[in-house]
Amino acid sequence: MAQHEKLKDQTGIDIYFCDPQSPWQRGSNENTNGLLRQYFPKGTDLSQHGRDELDAVAYTLNSRPRKTLGWKTPAEALDEIIE
């Protein structure tokens, strides 16, 4: 989220960050971390993986329906916001 201010300016959406040392505020983030660990165990050096492999994992996770999004995929939910 290094460019969160740019994202906010371009989309008009509010960006929120959790308080430090408060993992209970980060449910979706923690869940996503768990999903990523299925592909890349903790401590994995991501520089050892090519762009195509990283993009494939991102596509797989972003194509997975989420209960919190009414069983839409993150990509579908984002498309609705952008339209």
C-alpha atoms as a PDB file:
ATOM      1  CA  MET A   1       0.000   0.000   0.000  1.00  0.00           C
ATOM      2  CA  ALA A   2       2.950   2.257  -0.606  1.00  0.00           C
ATOM      3  CA  GLN A   3       0.802   4.252  -3.042  1.00  0.00           C
ATOM      4  CA  HIS A   4      -2.355   4.376  -0.935  1.00  0.00           C
ATOM      5  CA  GLU A   5      -2.635   8.154  -1.253  1.00  0.00           C
ATOM      6  CA  LYS A   6      -2.547   7.901  -5.056  1.00  0.00           C
ATOM      7  CA  LEU A   7      -5.206   5.166  -4.946  1.00  0.00           C
ATOM      8  CA  LYS A   8      -7.402   7.322  -2.721  1.00  0.00           C
ATOM      9  CA  ASP A   9      -7.001  10.358  -4.976  1.00  0.00           C
ATOM     10  CA  GLN A  10      -7.740   8.425  -8.181  1.00  0.00           C
ATOM     11  CA  THR A  11     -10.708   6.396  -6.884  1.00  0.00           C
ATOM     12  CA  GLY A  12     -12.159   8.548  -4.127  1.00  0.00           C
ATOM     13  CA  ILE A  13     -12.313   5.570  -1.751  1.00  0.00           C
ATOM     14  CA  ASP A  14     -11.207   5.826   1.853  1.00  0.00           C
ATOM     15  CA  ILE A  15      -8.142   3.806   2.881  1.00  0.00           C
ATOM     16  CA  TYR A  16      -7.898   2.481   6.431  1.00  0.00           C
ATOM     17  CA  PHE A  17      -5.011   0.831   8.249  1.00  0.00           C
ATOM     18  CA  CYS A  18      -5.216  -1.377  11.327  1.00  0.00           C
ATOM     19  CA  ASP A  19      -3.532  -0.424  14.545  1.00  0.00           C
ATOM     20  CA  PRO A  20      -0.052  -1.918  15.027  1.00  0.00           C
ATOM     21  CA  GLN A  21       0.059  -5.153  17.034  1.00  0.00           C
ATOM     22  CA  SER A  22      -3.717  -5.671  16.556  1.00  0.00           C
ATOM     23  CA  PRO A  23      -4.144  -8.789  14.401  1.00  0.00           C
ATOM     24  CA  TRP A  24      -7.837  -9.118  15.364  1.00  0.00           C
ATOM     25  CA  GLN A  25      -8.472  -6.006  13.240  1.00  0.00           C
ATOM     26  CA  ARG A  26      -7.033  -7.696  10.178  1.00  0.00           C
ATOM     27  CA  GLY A  27      -9.286 -10.691   9.509  1.00  0.00           C
ATOM     28  CA  SER A  28      -9.207 -10.592   5.708  1.00  0.00           C
ATOM     29  CA  ASN A  29      -5.514  -9.784   5.699  1.00  0.00           C
ATOM     30  CA  GLU A  30      -4.689 -12.677   8.014  1.00  0.00           C
ATOM     31  CA  ASN A  31      -6.855 -15.021   5.941  1.00  0.00           C
ATOM     32  CA  THR A  32      -5.089 -13.938   2.754  1.00  0.00           C
ATOM     33  CA  ASN A  33      -1.712 -14.455   4.408  1.00  0.00           C
ATOM     34  CA  GLY A  34      -2.805 -18.001   5.221  1.00  0.00           C
ATOM     35  CA  LEU A  35      -3.819 -18.600   1.609  1.00  0.00           C
ATOM     36  CA  LEU A  36      -0.472 -17.235   0.396  1.00  0.00           C
ATOM     37  CA  ARG A  37       1.379 -19.576   2.763  1.00  0.00           C
ATOM     38  CA  GLN A  38      -0.083 -22.491   0.760  1.00  0.00           C
ATOM     39  CA  TYR A  39       2.079 -21.308  -2.134  1.00  0.00           C
ATOM     40  CA  PHE A  40       4.959 -19.638  -0.324  1.00  0.00           C
ATOM     41  CA  PRO A  41       5.861 -20.890   3.171  1.00  0.00           C
ATOM     42  CA  LYS A  42       6.874 -18.271   5.738  1.00  0.00           C
ATOM     43  CA  GLY A  43      10.411 -17.075   5.071  1.00  0.00           C
ATOM     44  CA  THR A  44      10.246 -17.753   1.333  1.00  0.00           C
ATOM     45  CA  ASP A  45      12.459 -15.465  -0.734  1.00  0.00           C
ATOM     46  CA  LEU A  46       9.986 -14.175  -3.313  1.00  0.00           C
ATOM     47  CA  SER A  47      12.824 -12.921  -5.508  1.00  0.00           C
ATOM     48  CA  GLN A  48      13.440 -16.589  -6.339  1.00  0.00           C
ATOM     49  CA  HIS A  49      10.053 -16.763  -8.081  1.00  0.00           C
ATOM     50  CA  GLY A  50       9.416 -15.315 -11.508  1.00  0.00           C
ATOM     51  CA  ARG A  51       6.825 -12.690 -12.369  1.00  0.00           C
ATOM     52  CA  ASP A  52       4.690 -15.275 -14.210  1.00  0.00           C
ATOM     53  CA  GLU A  53       4.532 -17.528 -11.136  1.00  0.00           C
ATOM     54  CA  LEU A  54       3.650 -14.639  -8.818  1.00  0.00           C
ATOM     55  CA  ASP A  55       1.012 -13.386 -11.263  1.00  0.00           C
ATOM     56  CA  ALA A  56      -0.492 -16.885 -11.478  1.00  0.00           C
ATOM     57  CA  VAL A  57      -0.847 -17.063  -7.678  1.00  0.00           C
ATOM     58  CA  ALA A  58      -2.371 -13.561  -7.573  1.00  0.00           C
ATOM     59  CA  TYR A  59      -4.833 -14.522 -10.310  1.00  0.00           C
ATOM     60  CA  THR A  60      -5.800 -17.718  -8.475  1.00  0.00           C
ATOM     61  CA  LEU A  61      -6.455 -15.883  -5.204  1.00  0.00           C
ATOM     62  CA  ASN A  62      -8.289 -12.983  -6.883  1.00  0.00           C
ATOM     63  CA  SER A  63     -10.490 -15.448  -8.776  1.00  0.00           C
ATOM     64  CA  ARG A  64     -11.603 -17.211  -5.583  1.00  0.00           C
ATOM     65  CA  PRO A  65     -15.144 -16.275  -4.438  1.00  0.00           C
ATOM     66  CA  ARG A  66     -15.346 -14.807  -0.926  1.00  0.00           C
ATOM     67  CA  LYS A  67     -18.263 -15.108   1.478  1.00  0.00           C
ATOM     68  CA  THR A  68     -17.649 -11.548   2.730  1.00  0.00           C
ATOM     69  CA  LEU A  69     -18.143 -10.293  -0.840  1.00  0.00           C
ATOM     70  CA  GLY A  70     -21.462 -12.080  -1.344  1.00  0.00           C
ATOM     71  CA  TRP A  71     -19.624 -14.945  -3.075  1.00  0.00           C
ATOM     72  CA  LYS A  72     -18.146 -12.604  -5.667  1.00  0.00           C
ATOM     73  CA  THR A  73     -14.462 -12.735  -6.417  1.00  0.00           C
ATOM     74  CA  PRO A  74     -12.261  -9.813  -5.318  1.00  0.00           C
ATOM     75  CA  ALA A  75     -11.817  -8.971  -9.003  1.00  0.00           C
ATOM     76  CA  GLU A  76     -15.601  -8.844  -9.525  1.00  0.00           C
ATOM     77  CA  ALA A  77     -16.097  -6.689  -6.434  1.00  0.00           C
ATOM     78  CA  LEU A  78     -13.383  -4.281  -7.571  1.00  0.00           C
ATOM     79  CA  ASP A  79     -14.896  -4.090 -11.068  1.00  0.00           C
ATOM     80  CA  GLU A  80     -18.242  -3.090  -9.530  1.00  0.00           C
ATOM     81  CA  ILE A  81     -16.587  -0.298  -7.546  1.00  0.00           C
ATOM     82  CA  ILE A  82     -14.655   0.992 -10.556  1.00  0.00           C
ATOM     83  CA  GLU A  83     -17.708   0.988 -12.864  1.00  0.00           C
END
